[in-house]
Amino acid sequence: MDKAVILLSGGLDSTTVLAMAKEHFACYALSLNYGQRHESELDAAKKIAAAFGAHHHVAMASLGAFGGSALTDPGMAIPTRASTGIPVTYVPARNTIMLAMALGYAEVLGARDIFIGVNAVDYSGYPDCRPEFIEAFEKLANLATKAGVEGQKMHLHAPLINWSKARIIGEGMKRGVNYALTVSCYQADEAGYACGRCDSCRLRAQGFVEAGVVDPTRYQADAR
């Protein structure tokens, strides 16, 4: 079976992508400790990878040293109301850096496929979640690697990019995803309990309602 690298944050979307990739590939899940305030997502990723029998590797990328995002800077508040424009939870160049690391990992493994759970429908306005970005990065991957230059084309998959959150949940349920293991909250506590107020929590909760699926999210006592 061919190998694939799956960027696994521990959240709902990347877990669904892992379940989809597992149908066709031997999966190597890659999670990044980039200085995020909600590190419980890394614990979730470990459990999820184990549940799917995927290899799991956690790499360091100290984006928190730069700040510039409410997800890495404790001095910046996580917004609890929808905002216009690109929100303060955007982490500068995060997906570019994550994909670059996944690309390096894939070359070492001899994998030609990389999966990422970006979404351009139910998302928060991040520029690195758009189809144009995915297309551009795949082109870069084939220009900048030994594999690409030697004709072993690299493929970047973003299967959820045009799906609603409800559809993502529905497809995950068909594949046996246990969403109770996932952590999506921007300010989840150490145990992974969600705040119920941030943008990610709102999109997730709405998705379960629209999918007609009971929300298994573990919420903090004072959530909402």
N, C-alpha and C. Protein backbone atom coordinates (compact mmCIF):
# COMPACT_ATOMS: atom_id res chain seq x y z
N MET A 1 0.85 -1.20 0.00
CA MET A 1 0.00 0.00 0.00
C MET A 1 0.88 1.25 0.00
N ASP A 2 0.54 2.23 -0.83
CA ASP A 2 1.30 3.47 -0.87
C ASP A 2 1.18 4.23 0.45
N LYS A 3 2.22 5.01 0.75
CA LYS A 3 2.23 5.81 1.98
C LYS A 3 1.69 7.21 1.71
N ALA A 4 1.12 7.82 2.76
CA ALA A 4 0.67 9.21 2.68
C ALA A 4 0.92 9.88 4.02
N VAL A 5 1.23 11.17 3.97
CA VAL A 5 1.39 11.97 5.18
C VAL A 5 0.11 12.78 5.38
N ILE A 6 -0.43 12.71 6.57
CA ILE A 6 -1.66 13.43 6.89
C ILE A 6 -1.36 14.42 8.01
N LEU A 7 -1.59 15.69 7.77
CA LEU A 7 -1.43 16.69 8.83
C LEU A 7 -2.60 16.53 9.79
N LEU A 8 -2.30 16.18 11.02
CA LEU A 8 -3.32 15.86 12.02
C LEU A 8 -3.21 16.81 13.20
N SER A 9 -4.17 17.72 13.30
CA SER A 9 -4.15 18.69 14.40
C SER A 9 -4.80 18.14 15.65
N GLY A 10 -5.65 17.12 15.48
CA GLY A 10 -6.45 16.63 16.61
C GLY A 10 -7.86 17.17 16.56
N GLY A 11 -8.15 18.00 15.54
CA GLY A 11 -9.48 18.58 15.39
C GLY A 11 -10.40 17.75 14.52
N LEU A 12 -11.60 18.23 14.35
CA LEU A 12 -12.64 17.53 13.62
C LEU A 12 -12.28 17.30 12.16
N ASP A 13 -11.82 18.34 11.49
CA ASP A 13 -11.56 18.25 10.05
C ASP A 13 -10.40 17.31 9.73
N SER A 14 -9.26 17.49 10.41
CA SER A 14 -8.10 16.66 10.09
C SER A 14 -8.33 15.20 10.45
N THR A 15 -9.15 14.95 11.47
CA THR A 15 -9.48 13.58 11.83
C THR A 15 -10.32 12.92 10.75
N THR A 16 -11.25 13.67 10.18
CA THR A 16 -12.06 13.15 9.08
C THR A 16 -11.18 12.83 7.88
N VAL A 17 -10.22 13.70 7.60
CA VAL A 17 -9.30 13.47 6.49
C VAL A 17 -8.47 12.21 6.72
N LEU A 18 -8.02 11.99 7.94
CA LEU A 18 -7.27 10.78 8.26
C LEU A 18 -8.12 9.54 7.98
N ALA A 19 -9.39 9.59 8.38
CA ALA A 19 -10.29 8.46 8.14
C ALA A 19 -10.47 8.20 6.65
N MET A 20 -10.52 9.25 5.86
CA MET A 20 -10.67 9.11 4.41
C MET A 20 -9.39 8.56 3.78
N ALA A 21 -8.25 9.08 4.20
CA ALA A 21 -6.97 8.65 3.63
C ALA A 21 -6.68 7.19 3.96
N LYS A 22 -7.11 6.75 5.13
CA LYS A 22 -6.82 5.39 5.57
C LYS A 22 -7.45 4.34 4.65
N GLU A 23 -8.46 4.74 3.90
CA GLU A 23 -9.12 3.80 2.99
C GLU A 23 -8.21 3.41 1.82
N HIS A 24 -7.22 4.23 1.54
CA HIS A 24 -6.39 4.00 0.35
C HIS A 24 -4.88 3.99 0.61
N PHE A 25 -4.46 4.46 1.78
CA PHE A 25 -3.04 4.63 2.03
C PHE A 25 -2.62 4.09 3.40
N ALA A 26 -1.33 3.78 3.52
CA ALA A 26 -0.72 3.57 4.83
C ALA A 26 -0.43 4.97 5.37
N CYS A 27 -1.05 5.32 6.48
CA CYS A 27 -1.06 6.72 6.93
C CYS A 27 0.02 7.03 7.97
N TYR A 28 0.70 8.13 7.71
CA TYR A 28 1.69 8.68 8.62
C TYR A 28 1.19 10.06 9.05
N ALA A 29 0.68 10.13 10.27
CA ALA A 29 0.10 11.38 10.77
C ALA A 29 1.20 12.27 11.34
N LEU A 30 1.14 13.53 10.97
CA LEU A 30 2.12 14.51 11.45
C LEU A 30 1.40 15.64 12.17
N SER A 31 1.76 15.83 13.44
CA SER A 31 1.20 16.94 14.22
C SER A 31 2.32 17.90 14.56
N LEU A 32 1.97 19.18 14.65
CA LEU A 32 2.99 20.18 14.95
C LEU A 32 2.72 20.88 16.28
N ASN A 33 3.74 20.88 17.10
CA ASN A 33 3.70 21.69 18.32
C ASN A 33 4.33 23.03 17.94
N TYR A 34 3.46 24.01 17.63
CA TYR A 34 3.96 25.29 17.14
C TYR A 34 3.85 26.40 18.19
N GLY A 35 3.63 25.98 19.44
CA GLY A 35 3.48 26.96 20.51
C GLY A 35 2.04 27.37 20.73
N GLN A 36 1.11 26.54 20.25
CA GLN A 36 -0.30 26.84 20.41
C GLN A 36 -0.71 26.80 21.89
N ARG A 37 -1.61 27.68 22.25
CA ARG A 37 -2.08 27.74 23.62
C ARG A 37 -2.92 26.51 23.97
N HIS A 38 -3.57 25.94 23.00
CA HIS A 38 -4.45 24.80 23.23
C HIS A 38 -3.71 23.49 22.92
N GLU A 39 -2.70 23.18 23.71
CA GLU A 39 -1.86 22.02 23.46
C GLU A 39 -2.61 20.70 23.65
N SER A 40 -3.78 20.74 24.26
CA SER A 40 -4.55 19.51 24.44
C SER A 40 -4.91 18.88 23.09
N GLU A 41 -4.86 19.67 22.02
CA GLU A 41 -5.14 19.10 20.71
C GLU A 41 -4.07 18.09 20.31
N LEU A 42 -2.85 18.26 20.81
CA LEU A 42 -1.78 17.31 20.51
C LEU A 42 -2.03 15.97 21.21
N ASP A 43 -2.56 16.03 22.42
CA ASP A 43 -2.95 14.79 23.12
C ASP A 43 -4.07 14.10 22.35
N ALA A 44 -5.01 14.91 21.84
CA ALA A 44 -6.10 14.35 21.06
C ALA A 44 -5.57 13.68 19.79
N ALA A 45 -4.62 14.33 19.13
CA ALA A 45 -4.05 13.78 17.90
C ALA A 45 -3.40 12.42 18.15
N LYS A 46 -2.72 12.29 19.26
CA LYS A 46 -2.06 11.02 19.61
C LYS A 46 -3.10 9.91 19.74
N LYS A 47 -4.20 10.21 20.43
CA LYS A 47 -5.25 9.21 20.63
C LYS A 47 -5.93 8.86 19.31
N ILE A 48 -6.14 9.86 18.48
CA ILE A 48 -6.82 9.65 17.20
C ILE A 48 -5.95 8.79 16.27
N ALA A 49 -4.67 9.10 16.20
CA ALA A 49 -3.76 8.31 15.36
C ALA A 49 -3.76 6.85 15.81
N ALA A 50 -3.73 6.65 17.12
CA ALA A 50 -3.74 5.28 17.65
C ALA A 50 -5.05 4.57 17.30
N ALA A 51 -6.16 5.30 17.37
CA ALA A 51 -7.46 4.70 17.06
C ALA A 51 -7.55 4.23 15.62
N PHE A 52 -6.84 4.92 14.72
CA PHE A 52 -6.86 4.56 13.30
C PHE A 52 -5.65 3.71 12.89
N GLY A 53 -4.80 3.36 13.85
CA GLY A 53 -3.64 2.55 13.53
C GLY A 53 -2.64 3.26 12.65
N ALA A 54 -2.57 4.58 12.76
CA ALA A 54 -1.65 5.37 11.94
C ALA A 54 -0.36 5.64 12.71
N HIS A 55 0.74 5.69 11.99
CA HIS A 55 1.99 6.14 12.59
C HIS A 55 1.80 7.61 12.99
N HIS A 56 2.40 8.02 14.10
CA HIS A 56 2.21 9.40 14.55
C HIS A 56 3.53 10.02 14.95
N HIS A 57 3.77 11.21 14.43
CA HIS A 57 4.99 11.95 14.74
C HIS A 57 4.61 13.38 15.09
N VAL A 58 5.19 13.90 16.16
CA VAL A 58 4.99 15.29 16.55
C VAL A 58 6.29 16.05 16.30
N ALA A 59 6.21 17.10 15.50
CA ALA A 59 7.38 17.92 15.17
C ALA A 59 7.24 19.29 15.83
N MET A 60 8.36 19.93 16.05
CA MET A 60 8.39 21.26 16.67
C MET A 60 8.51 22.34 15.59
N ALA A 61 7.74 23.39 15.76
CA ALA A 61 7.83 24.56 14.89
C ALA A 61 7.45 25.76 15.75
N SER A 62 8.42 26.43 16.31
CA SER A 62 8.18 27.42 17.37
C SER A 62 7.62 28.74 16.85
N LEU A 63 6.42 28.69 16.30
CA LEU A 63 5.78 29.92 15.82
C LEU A 63 5.38 30.82 16.98
N GLY A 64 5.22 30.23 18.15
CA GLY A 64 4.86 31.03 19.32
C GLY A 64 5.92 32.03 19.69
N ALA A 65 7.15 31.79 19.26
CA ALA A 65 8.24 32.72 19.55
C ALA A 65 8.04 34.05 18.84
N PHE A 66 7.30 34.02 17.73
CA PHE A 66 7.05 35.24 16.97
C PHE A 66 5.80 35.98 17.44
N GLY A 67 4.85 35.25 18.05
CA GLY A 67 3.58 35.88 18.43
C GLY A 67 2.75 36.19 17.20
N GLY A 68 1.99 37.26 17.26
CA GLY A 68 1.22 37.70 16.11
C GLY A 68 -0.11 37.01 15.94
N SER A 69 -0.48 36.16 16.88
CA SER A 69 -1.76 35.45 16.79
C SER A 69 -2.29 35.19 18.19
N ALA A 70 -3.61 35.24 18.32
CA ALA A 70 -4.22 34.93 19.61
C ALA A 70 -4.05 33.47 19.97
N LEU A 71 -3.71 32.62 19.00
CA LEU A 71 -3.52 31.20 19.30
C LEU A 71 -2.14 30.90 19.88
N THR A 72 -1.22 31.85 19.75
CA THR A 72 0.14 31.62 20.27
C THR A 72 0.56 32.65 21.31
N ASP A 73 -0.16 33.74 21.42
CA ASP A 73 0.21 34.82 22.34
C ASP A 73 -0.83 34.93 23.46
N PRO A 74 -0.49 34.52 24.69
CA PRO A 74 -1.44 34.58 25.80
C PRO A 74 -1.92 36.00 26.11
N GLY A 75 -1.18 36.99 25.62
CA GLY A 75 -1.58 38.37 25.86
C GLY A 75 -2.69 38.86 24.95
N MET A 76 -3.03 38.06 23.94
CA MET A 76 -4.10 38.42 23.01
C MET A 76 -5.34 37.58 23.33
N ALA A 77 -6.48 38.23 23.40
CA ALA A 77 -7.71 37.54 23.76
C ALA A 77 -8.26 36.75 22.58
N ILE A 78 -8.78 35.56 22.86
CA ILE A 78 -9.48 34.78 21.85
C ILE A 78 -10.86 35.41 21.66
N PRO A 79 -11.23 35.82 20.45
CA PRO A 79 -12.54 36.44 20.25
C PRO A 79 -13.67 35.45 20.48
N THR A 80 -14.74 35.93 21.07
CA THR A 80 -15.91 35.09 21.32
C THR A 80 -17.11 35.54 20.49
N ARG A 81 -16.87 36.47 19.59
CA ARG A 81 -17.91 36.91 18.67
C ARG A 81 -17.35 36.89 17.25
N ALA A 82 -18.23 36.64 16.30
CA ALA A 82 -17.79 36.62 14.90
C ALA A 82 -17.23 37.99 14.52
N SER A 83 -16.14 37.97 13.76
CA SER A 83 -15.52 39.22 13.35
C SER A 83 -15.43 39.27 11.83
N THR A 84 -15.24 40.47 11.30
CA THR A 84 -15.09 40.63 9.86
C THR A 84 -13.60 40.64 9.52
N GLY A 85 -13.28 40.27 8.29
CA GLY A 85 -11.89 40.23 7.89
C GLY A 85 -11.17 39.03 8.47
N ILE A 86 -9.86 39.03 8.37
CA ILE A 86 -9.05 37.93 8.88
C ILE A 86 -8.91 38.10 10.39
N PRO A 87 -9.37 37.12 11.17
CA PRO A 87 -9.39 37.28 12.63
C PRO A 87 -8.01 37.15 13.27
N VAL A 88 -7.93 37.53 14.54
CA VAL A 88 -6.66 37.49 15.27
C VAL A 88 -6.23 36.06 15.58
N THR A 89 -7.09 35.08 15.32
CA THR A 89 -6.70 33.68 15.51
C THR A 89 -5.91 33.14 14.32
N TYR A 90 -5.77 33.92 13.27
CA TYR A 90 -4.91 33.54 12.15
C TYR A 90 -3.47 33.49 12.64
N VAL A 91 -2.79 32.38 12.38
CA VAL A 91 -1.37 32.23 12.73
C VAL A 91 -0.55 32.47 11.47
N PRO A 92 0.26 33.53 11.42
CA PRO A 92 1.00 33.86 10.21
C PRO A 92 1.78 32.67 9.62
N ALA A 93 1.45 32.36 8.36
CA ALA A 93 2.15 31.34 7.57
C ALA A 93 2.06 29.93 8.14
N ARG A 94 1.12 29.67 9.05
CA ARG A 94 1.07 28.36 9.70
C ARG A 94 0.92 27.20 8.72
N ASN A 95 -0.06 27.27 7.83
CA ASN A 95 -0.27 26.15 6.92
C ASN A 95 0.89 25.98 5.94
N THR A 96 1.52 27.08 5.55
CA THR A 96 2.69 27.00 4.67
C THR A 96 3.81 26.23 5.36
N ILE A 97 4.05 26.56 6.63
CA ILE A 97 5.11 25.91 7.38
C ILE A 97 4.77 24.44 7.64
N MET A 98 3.51 24.18 8.00
CA MET A 98 3.09 22.81 8.26
C MET A 98 3.22 21.94 7.00
N LEU A 99 2.81 22.48 5.88
CA LEU A 99 2.90 21.72 4.64
C LEU A 99 4.34 21.51 4.21
N ALA A 100 5.19 22.50 4.46
CA ALA A 100 6.61 22.34 4.13
C ALA A 100 7.21 21.20 4.94
N MET A 101 6.85 21.10 6.21
CA MET A 101 7.36 20.02 7.05
C MET A 101 6.77 18.68 6.62
N ALA A 102 5.50 18.67 6.25
CA ALA A 102 4.88 17.45 5.75
C ALA A 102 5.54 17.00 4.45
N LEU A 103 5.92 17.97 3.63
CA LEU A 103 6.59 17.67 2.36
C LEU A 103 7.94 17.01 2.60
N GLY A 104 8.70 17.55 3.53
CA GLY A 104 9.99 16.95 3.87
C GLY A 104 9.83 15.54 4.42
N TYR A 105 8.84 15.36 5.28
CA TYR A 105 8.56 14.05 5.87
C TYR A 105 8.17 13.06 4.77
N ALA A 106 7.35 13.52 3.84
CA ALA A 106 6.90 12.66 2.74
C ALA A 106 8.08 12.20 1.89
N GLU A 107 9.00 13.12 1.60
CA GLU A 107 10.17 12.73 0.79
C GLU A 107 11.01 11.66 1.49
N VAL A 108 11.18 11.81 2.78
CA VAL A 108 11.96 10.83 3.54
C VAL A 108 11.27 9.46 3.52
N LEU A 109 9.96 9.48 3.64
CA LEU A 109 9.18 8.23 3.66
C LEU A 109 9.04 7.60 2.28
N GLY A 110 9.27 8.38 1.24
CA GLY A 110 8.99 7.90 -0.11
C GLY A 110 7.52 8.01 -0.44
N ALA A 111 6.81 8.87 0.29
CA ALA A 111 5.38 9.09 0.04
C ALA A 111 5.21 10.18 -1.01
N ARG A 112 4.18 10.06 -1.81
CA ARG A 112 3.92 11.04 -2.86
C ARG A 112 2.60 11.78 -2.64
N ASP A 113 1.95 11.51 -1.49
CA ASP A 113 0.65 12.10 -1.22
C ASP A 113 0.64 12.73 0.17
N ILE A 114 0.12 13.95 0.23
CA ILE A 114 0.00 14.69 1.48
C ILE A 114 -1.45 15.14 1.61
N PHE A 115 -2.02 14.96 2.80
CA PHE A 115 -3.41 15.35 3.05
C PHE A 115 -3.46 16.45 4.10
N ILE A 116 -4.35 17.42 3.88
CA ILE A 116 -4.57 18.50 4.83
C ILE A 116 -6.07 18.79 4.91
N GLY A 117 -6.55 19.13 6.10
CA GLY A 117 -7.99 19.30 6.30
C GLY A 117 -8.50 20.72 6.19
N VAL A 118 -7.88 21.53 5.33
CA VAL A 118 -8.34 22.91 5.18
C VAL A 118 -9.72 22.95 4.55
N ASN A 119 -10.45 24.00 4.88
CA ASN A 119 -11.82 24.14 4.40
C ASN A 119 -12.10 25.59 4.04
N ALA A 120 -12.67 25.82 2.87
CA ALA A 120 -12.92 27.19 2.40
C ALA A 120 -14.38 27.58 2.53
N VAL A 121 -15.19 26.75 3.19
CA VAL A 121 -16.62 27.05 3.36
C VAL A 121 -16.88 27.46 4.80
N ASP A 122 -16.84 26.47 5.71
CA ASP A 122 -17.02 26.76 7.14
C ASP A 122 -15.66 27.05 7.77
N TYR A 123 -15.10 28.19 7.48
CA TYR A 123 -13.80 28.54 8.04
C TYR A 123 -13.83 29.99 8.48
N SER A 124 -12.72 30.47 9.03
CA SER A 124 -12.72 31.79 9.67
C SER A 124 -12.09 32.88 8.83
N GLY A 125 -11.95 32.68 7.54
CA GLY A 125 -11.38 33.72 6.68
C GLY A 125 -9.89 33.64 6.52
N TYR A 126 -9.28 32.52 6.88
CA TYR A 126 -7.83 32.39 6.76
C TYR A 126 -7.41 32.28 5.30
N PRO A 127 -6.41 33.04 4.88
CA PRO A 127 -6.00 33.01 3.47
C PRO A 127 -5.36 31.69 3.06
N ASP A 128 -4.79 30.94 4.02
CA ASP A 128 -4.13 29.68 3.68
C ASP A 128 -5.08 28.48 3.76
N CYS A 129 -6.38 28.75 3.63
CA CYS A 129 -7.38 27.68 3.55
C CYS A 129 -8.10 27.71 2.20
N ARG A 130 -7.57 28.47 1.25
CA ARG A 130 -8.23 28.64 -0.05
C ARG A 130 -7.69 27.67 -1.10
N PRO A 131 -8.51 27.31 -2.08
CA PRO A 131 -8.06 26.42 -3.15
C PRO A 131 -6.82 26.94 -3.87
N GLU A 132 -6.74 28.27 -4.05
CA GLU A 132 -5.59 28.86 -4.74
C GLU A 132 -4.28 28.54 -4.00
N PHE A 133 -4.35 28.56 -2.68
CA PHE A 133 -3.16 28.25 -1.88
C PHE A 133 -2.75 26.79 -2.06
N ILE A 134 -3.72 25.90 -2.01
CA ILE A 134 -3.43 24.47 -2.16
C ILE A 134 -2.82 24.19 -3.53
N GLU A 135 -3.39 24.78 -4.57
CA GLU A 135 -2.87 24.59 -5.93
C GLU A 135 -1.43 25.12 -6.04
N ALA A 136 -1.19 26.28 -5.45
CA ALA A 136 0.14 26.88 -5.53
C ALA A 136 1.16 26.06 -4.76
N PHE A 137 0.76 25.51 -3.62
CA PHE A 137 1.72 24.73 -2.83
C PHE A 137 2.06 23.42 -3.54
N GLU A 138 1.08 22.79 -4.17
CA GLU A 138 1.37 21.56 -4.90
C GLU A 138 2.38 21.83 -6.02
N LYS A 139 2.21 22.96 -6.69
CA LYS A 139 3.16 23.33 -7.75
C LYS A 139 4.55 23.53 -7.16
N LEU A 140 4.62 24.21 -6.03
CA LEU A 140 5.90 24.42 -5.36
C LEU A 140 6.53 23.08 -4.98
N ALA A 141 5.71 22.15 -4.46
CA ALA A 141 6.20 20.85 -4.01
C ALA A 141 6.90 20.10 -5.15
N ASN A 142 6.40 20.27 -6.35
CA ASN A 142 6.98 19.56 -7.49
C ASN A 142 8.15 20.30 -8.12
N LEU A 143 8.32 21.56 -7.75
CA LEU A 143 9.48 22.32 -8.22
C LEU A 143 10.65 22.24 -7.24
N ALA A 144 10.33 22.06 -5.97
CA ALA A 144 11.35 22.24 -4.93
C ALA A 144 11.87 20.95 -4.31
N THR A 145 11.45 19.80 -4.84
CA THR A 145 11.88 18.54 -4.23
C THR A 145 12.62 17.66 -5.23
N LYS A 146 13.48 16.81 -4.71
CA LYS A 146 14.19 15.83 -5.53
C LYS A 146 13.19 14.91 -6.22
N ALA A 147 12.16 14.50 -5.45
CA ALA A 147 11.15 13.61 -6.01
C ALA A 147 10.44 14.26 -7.20
N GLY A 148 10.06 15.52 -7.03
CA GLY A 148 9.36 16.21 -8.10
C GLY A 148 10.21 16.40 -9.34
N VAL A 149 11.46 16.78 -9.14
CA VAL A 149 12.37 17.01 -10.26
C VAL A 149 12.64 15.71 -11.02
N GLU A 150 12.65 14.59 -10.30
CA GLU A 150 12.92 13.30 -10.92
C GLU A 150 11.66 12.65 -11.49
N GLY A 151 10.56 13.40 -11.49
CA GLY A 151 9.34 12.92 -12.12
C GLY A 151 8.40 12.13 -11.23
N GLN A 152 8.70 12.09 -9.94
CA GLN A 152 7.80 11.40 -8.99
C GLN A 152 6.86 12.45 -8.40
N LYS A 153 5.80 12.72 -9.10
CA LYS A 153 4.92 13.84 -8.80
C LYS A 153 4.34 13.76 -7.39
N MET A 154 4.41 14.86 -6.69
CA MET A 154 3.81 14.98 -5.37
C MET A 154 2.36 15.46 -5.52
N HIS A 155 1.47 14.89 -4.73
CA HIS A 155 0.06 15.26 -4.79
C HIS A 155 -0.38 15.81 -3.43
N LEU A 156 -1.01 16.97 -3.45
CA LEU A 156 -1.54 17.57 -2.23
C LEU A 156 -3.05 17.47 -2.26
N HIS A 157 -3.61 16.79 -1.26
CA HIS A 157 -5.05 16.54 -1.21
C HIS A 157 -5.70 17.40 -0.12
N ALA A 158 -6.75 18.10 -0.48
CA ALA A 158 -7.55 18.86 0.48
C ALA A 158 -9.02 18.49 0.23
N PRO A 159 -9.42 17.27 0.57
CA PRO A 159 -10.74 16.76 0.17
C PRO A 159 -11.92 17.50 0.78
N LEU A 160 -11.71 18.23 1.86
CA LEU A 160 -12.82 18.91 2.52
C LEU A 160 -12.99 20.35 2.09
N ILE A 161 -12.19 20.80 1.15
CA ILE A 161 -12.06 22.23 0.92
C ILE A 161 -13.37 22.91 0.54
N ASN A 162 -14.27 22.20 -0.11
CA ASN A 162 -15.55 22.80 -0.51
C ASN A 162 -16.75 22.20 0.23
N TRP A 163 -16.50 21.50 1.33
CA TRP A 163 -17.58 20.85 2.07
C TRP A 163 -18.06 21.71 3.24
N SER A 164 -19.33 21.60 3.55
CA SER A 164 -19.86 22.23 4.75
C SER A 164 -19.42 21.40 5.95
N LYS A 165 -19.48 22.01 7.13
CA LYS A 165 -19.12 21.27 8.34
C LYS A 165 -20.07 20.09 8.55
N ALA A 166 -21.33 20.27 8.20
CA ALA A 166 -22.30 19.18 8.35
C ALA A 166 -21.93 17.99 7.47
N ARG A 167 -21.51 18.26 6.24
CA ARG A 167 -21.12 17.16 5.35
C ARG A 167 -19.87 16.46 5.86
N ILE A 168 -18.93 17.24 6.37
CA ILE A 168 -17.70 16.67 6.92
C ILE A 168 -18.04 15.69 8.05
N ILE A 169 -18.91 16.12 8.94
CA ILE A 169 -19.31 15.27 10.07
C ILE A 169 -20.02 14.01 9.56
N GLY A 170 -20.91 14.18 8.59
CA GLY A 170 -21.63 13.04 8.04
C GLY A 170 -20.70 12.01 7.42
N GLU A 171 -19.72 12.49 6.65
CA GLU A 171 -18.77 11.57 6.02
C GLU A 171 -17.88 10.90 7.06
N GLY A 172 -17.55 11.63 8.11
CA GLY A 172 -16.74 11.03 9.17
C GLY A 172 -17.51 9.96 9.92
N MET A 173 -18.78 10.20 10.16
CA MET A 173 -19.59 9.21 10.86
C MET A 173 -19.67 7.91 10.06
N LYS A 174 -19.77 8.02 8.74
CA LYS A 174 -19.81 6.83 7.88
C LYS A 174 -18.53 6.00 8.02
N ARG A 175 -17.44 6.67 8.36
CA ARG A 175 -16.14 6.00 8.45
C ARG A 175 -15.75 5.68 9.88
N GLY A 176 -16.70 5.82 10.78
CA GLY A 176 -16.46 5.43 12.17
C GLY A 176 -15.65 6.39 13.00
N VAL A 177 -15.62 7.67 12.62
CA VAL A 177 -14.87 8.65 13.41
C VAL A 177 -15.56 8.86 14.75
N ASN A 178 -14.79 8.81 15.82
CA ASN A 178 -15.30 9.12 17.15
C ASN A 178 -14.95 10.58 17.44
N TYR A 179 -15.89 11.47 17.19
CA TYR A 179 -15.59 12.90 17.33
C TYR A 179 -15.42 13.33 18.78
N ALA A 180 -15.76 12.45 19.72
CA ALA A 180 -15.53 12.76 21.12
C ALA A 180 -14.04 12.84 21.43
N LEU A 181 -13.22 12.21 20.59
CA LEU A 181 -11.77 12.26 20.78
C LEU A 181 -11.15 13.56 20.30
N THR A 182 -11.87 14.29 19.46
CA THR A 182 -11.29 15.46 18.80
C THR A 182 -11.40 16.73 19.65
N VAL A 183 -10.47 17.64 19.43
CA VAL A 183 -10.45 18.94 20.11
C VAL A 183 -10.34 20.03 19.06
N SER A 184 -11.35 20.89 18.97
CA SER A 184 -11.36 21.97 17.98
C SER A 184 -11.24 23.34 18.62
N CYS A 185 -11.53 23.44 19.90
CA CYS A 185 -11.61 24.73 20.59
C CYS A 185 -10.28 25.46 20.62
N TYR A 186 -10.32 26.78 20.36
CA TYR A 186 -9.12 27.61 20.39
C TYR A 186 -8.58 27.83 21.80
N GLN A 187 -9.41 27.61 22.79
CA GLN A 187 -8.96 27.80 24.17
C GLN A 187 -9.42 26.63 25.04
N ALA A 188 -9.23 25.43 24.49
CA ALA A 188 -9.55 24.23 25.27
C ALA A 188 -8.63 24.15 26.49
N ASP A 189 -9.16 23.58 27.59
CA ASP A 189 -8.33 23.45 28.78
C ASP A 189 -7.41 22.23 28.63
N GLU A 190 -6.62 21.97 29.66
CA GLU A 190 -5.63 20.90 29.57
C GLU A 190 -6.25 19.54 29.32
N ALA A 191 -7.48 19.36 29.74
CA ALA A 191 -8.18 18.08 29.54
C ALA A 191 -8.89 18.02 28.20
N GLY A 192 -8.84 19.11 27.44
CA GLY A 192 -9.48 19.14 26.13
C GLY A 192 -10.92 19.60 26.14
N TYR A 193 -11.39 20.10 27.26
CA TYR A 193 -12.78 20.59 27.33
C TYR A 193 -12.89 21.94 26.62
N ALA A 194 -13.94 22.12 25.85
CA ALA A 194 -14.11 23.30 24.99
C ALA A 194 -14.81 24.45 25.70
N CYS A 195 -14.52 25.66 25.20
CA CYS A 195 -15.13 26.86 25.81
C CYS A 195 -16.56 27.06 25.35
N GLY A 196 -16.87 26.61 24.12
CA GLY A 196 -18.22 26.77 23.59
C GLY A 196 -18.51 28.16 23.08
N ARG A 197 -17.51 29.04 23.07
CA ARG A 197 -17.76 30.44 22.70
C ARG A 197 -16.93 30.92 21.51
N CYS A 198 -15.77 30.34 21.30
CA CYS A 198 -14.90 30.82 20.22
C CYS A 198 -15.47 30.46 18.85
N ASP A 199 -14.88 31.04 17.82
CA ASP A 199 -15.36 30.83 16.45
C ASP A 199 -15.33 29.35 16.08
N SER A 200 -14.27 28.66 16.45
CA SER A 200 -14.16 27.24 16.12
C SER A 200 -15.25 26.42 16.80
N CYS A 201 -15.53 26.74 18.05
CA CYS A 201 -16.60 26.04 18.78
C CYS A 201 -17.96 26.29 18.13
N ARG A 202 -18.21 27.52 17.72
CA ARG A 202 -19.51 27.84 17.12
C ARG A 202 -19.71 27.09 15.80
N LEU A 203 -18.68 27.07 14.95
CA LEU A 203 -18.78 26.37 13.67
C LEU A 203 -18.98 24.88 13.88
N ARG A 204 -18.27 24.33 14.85
CA ARG A 204 -18.37 22.90 15.16
C ARG A 204 -19.77 22.55 15.65
N ALA A 205 -20.28 23.32 16.61
CA ALA A 205 -21.60 23.04 17.17
C ALA A 205 -22.69 23.15 16.10
N GLN A 206 -22.59 24.17 15.26
CA GLN A 206 -23.56 24.35 14.18
C GLN A 206 -23.52 23.16 13.21
N GLY A 207 -22.32 22.66 12.96
CA GLY A 207 -22.17 21.52 12.07
C GLY A 207 -22.88 20.28 12.57
N PHE A 208 -22.78 20.02 13.87
CA PHE A 208 -23.46 18.85 14.43
C PHE A 208 -24.98 19.01 14.35
N VAL A 209 -25.45 20.23 14.59
CA VAL A 209 -26.89 20.48 14.49
C VAL A 209 -27.37 20.22 13.08
N GLU A 210 -26.67 20.78 12.09
CA GLU A 210 -27.08 20.64 10.69
C GLU A 210 -26.93 19.21 10.18
N ALA A 211 -25.99 18.47 10.76
CA ALA A 211 -25.80 17.08 10.36
C ALA A 211 -26.81 16.15 11.03
N GLY A 212 -27.52 16.67 12.04
CA GLY A 212 -28.47 15.84 12.77
C GLY A 212 -27.79 14.80 13.64
N VAL A 213 -26.60 15.15 14.13
CA VAL A 213 -25.80 14.24 14.94
C VAL A 213 -25.63 14.84 16.34
N VAL A 214 -25.75 14.00 17.35
CA VAL A 214 -25.56 14.48 18.73
C VAL A 214 -24.13 14.98 18.91
N ASP A 215 -23.99 16.16 19.46
CA ASP A 215 -22.68 16.78 19.66
C ASP A 215 -21.97 16.08 20.83
N PRO A 216 -20.85 15.38 20.57
CA PRO A 216 -20.14 14.69 21.65
C PRO A 216 -19.06 15.54 22.31
N THR A 217 -19.01 16.82 21.94
CA THR A 217 -17.96 17.70 22.46
C THR A 217 -18.05 17.82 23.98
N ARG A 218 -16.92 17.75 24.63
CA ARG A 218 -16.86 17.93 26.09
C ARG A 218 -16.65 19.41 26.37
N TYR A 219 -17.63 20.02 27.02
CA TYR A 219 -17.58 21.47 27.27
C TYR A 219 -17.18 21.76 28.71
N GLN A 220 -16.51 22.91 28.88
CA GLN A 220 -16.17 23.38 30.21
C GLN A 220 -17.43 23.73 30.99
N ALA A 221 -17.37 23.72 32.29
CA ALA A 221 -18.55 23.93 33.13
C ALA A 221 -19.25 25.25 32.85
N ASP A 222 -18.45 26.29 32.53
CA ASP A 222 -19.03 27.61 32.29
C ASP A 222 -19.19 27.91 30.79
N ALA A 223 -19.15 26.85 29.96
CA ALA A 223 -19.25 27.07 28.51
C ALA A 223 -20.55 27.73 28.15
N ARG A 224 -20.43 28.68 27.21
CA ARG A 224 -21.58 29.41 26.68
C ARG A 224 -22.27 30.17 27.79
